[in-house]
Protein backbone atom coordinates (compact mmCIF):
# COMPACT_ATOMS: atom_id res chain seq x y z
CA UNK A 1 134.35 61.65 94.23
CA UNK A 2 133.68 59.15 96.97
CA UNK A 3 133.01 55.51 96.08
CA UNK A 4 129.76 55.35 98.06
CA UNK A 5 128.32 58.26 96.01
CA UNK A 6 128.77 56.31 92.81
CA UNK A 7 127.60 53.14 94.39
CA UNK A 8 124.35 54.83 95.36
CA UNK A 9 123.91 56.22 91.83
CA UNK A 10 124.59 52.85 90.20
CA UNK A 11 122.18 51.05 92.59
CA UNK A 12 119.39 53.62 92.38
CA UNK A 13 116.04 51.94 91.41
CA UNK A 14 114.82 52.64 88.92
CA UNK A 15 118.18 53.30 87.37
CA UNK A 16 118.70 56.73 85.86
CA UNK A 17 121.40 57.07 83.14
CA UNK A 18 124.08 59.51 84.29
CA UNK A 19 127.20 61.28 83.01
CA UNK A 20 130.43 61.47 84.94
CA UNK A 21 132.65 64.57 84.37
CA UNK A 22 136.56 64.29 84.92
CA UNK A 23 138.98 66.95 85.96
CA UNK A 24 140.50 66.93 82.45
CA UNK A 25 137.15 67.92 80.86
CA UNK A 26 136.24 64.52 79.50
CA UNK A 27 132.94 62.98 80.27
CA UNK A 28 131.48 59.49 80.00
CA UNK A 29 127.79 58.38 80.10
CA UNK A 30 126.61 55.27 81.94
CA UNK A 31 123.38 54.21 80.29
CA UNK A 32 123.02 50.90 82.08
CA UNK A 33 124.35 49.83 85.58
CA UNK A 34 125.99 46.82 83.93
CA UNK A 35 128.14 49.09 81.75
CA UNK A 36 129.94 50.36 84.79
CA UNK A 37 132.29 48.67 87.36
CA UNK A 38 133.44 50.15 90.57
CA UNK A 39 136.44 49.55 92.65
CA UNK A 40 137.76 51.49 95.70
CA UNK A 41 139.86 53.89 93.50
CA UNK A 42 138.37 53.66 89.95
CA UNK A 43 135.23 53.39 87.93
CA UNK A 44 135.26 51.45 84.65
CA UNK A 45 132.76 52.88 82.26
CA UNK A 46 131.56 51.19 79.01
CA UNK A 47 132.32 53.48 75.96
CA UNK A 48 130.14 53.93 74.01
CA UNK A 49 127.29 52.54 76.09
CA UNK A 50 124.14 52.37 74.18
CA UNK A 51 120.69 51.12 75.33
CA UNK A 52 120.63 48.32 72.73
CA UNK A 53 124.19 47.13 72.69
CA UNK A 54 127.01 46.48 75.15
CA UNK A 55 130.08 48.74 75.28
CA UNK A 56 132.86 48.29 72.70
CA UNK A 57 135.61 49.12 75.31
CA UNK A 58 135.99 49.99 79.01
CA UNK A 59 137.52 53.19 80.14
CA UNK A 60 139.23 53.34 83.59
CA UNK A 61 138.68 56.58 85.45
CA UNK A 62 140.36 57.43 88.76
CA UNK A 63 137.74 58.41 91.33
CA UNK A 64 140.06 61.31 92.37
CA UNK A 65 139.35 62.84 88.99
CA UNK A 66 135.64 62.46 88.89
CA UNK A 67 134.34 66.00 89.66
CA UNK A 68 130.74 65.58 89.15
CA UNK A 69 127.87 63.12 88.23
CA UNK A 70 124.63 64.47 86.55
CA UNK A 71 121.54 62.83 84.81
CA UNK A 72 121.84 62.28 81.05
CA UNK A 73 119.87 64.95 79.06
CA UNK A 74 118.67 66.34 82.33
CA UNK A 75 116.27 63.41 82.90
CA UNK A 76 115.35 62.68 86.34
CA UNK A 77 112.99 60.26 87.96
CA UNK A 78 109.40 61.24 88.40
CA UNK A 79 108.63 62.33 92.02
CA UNK A 80 107.38 59.55 94.23
């Protein structure tokens, strides 16, 4: 996955929670933009990230292994 694709997803207004899927089958949800950090080669995701509390730990995922991003629970923003 390219860094700019994740940047756009994290900066989207209004923010939409999303899930990243990795090449090894794991997936992580990003419930709030502050629960993710992006570098040129990695995304750090808060796990577990809930709406009420901050993450207990951060998981580092190499962007090379991010195979997809998708809305959480199929939620999408209403049409503008």
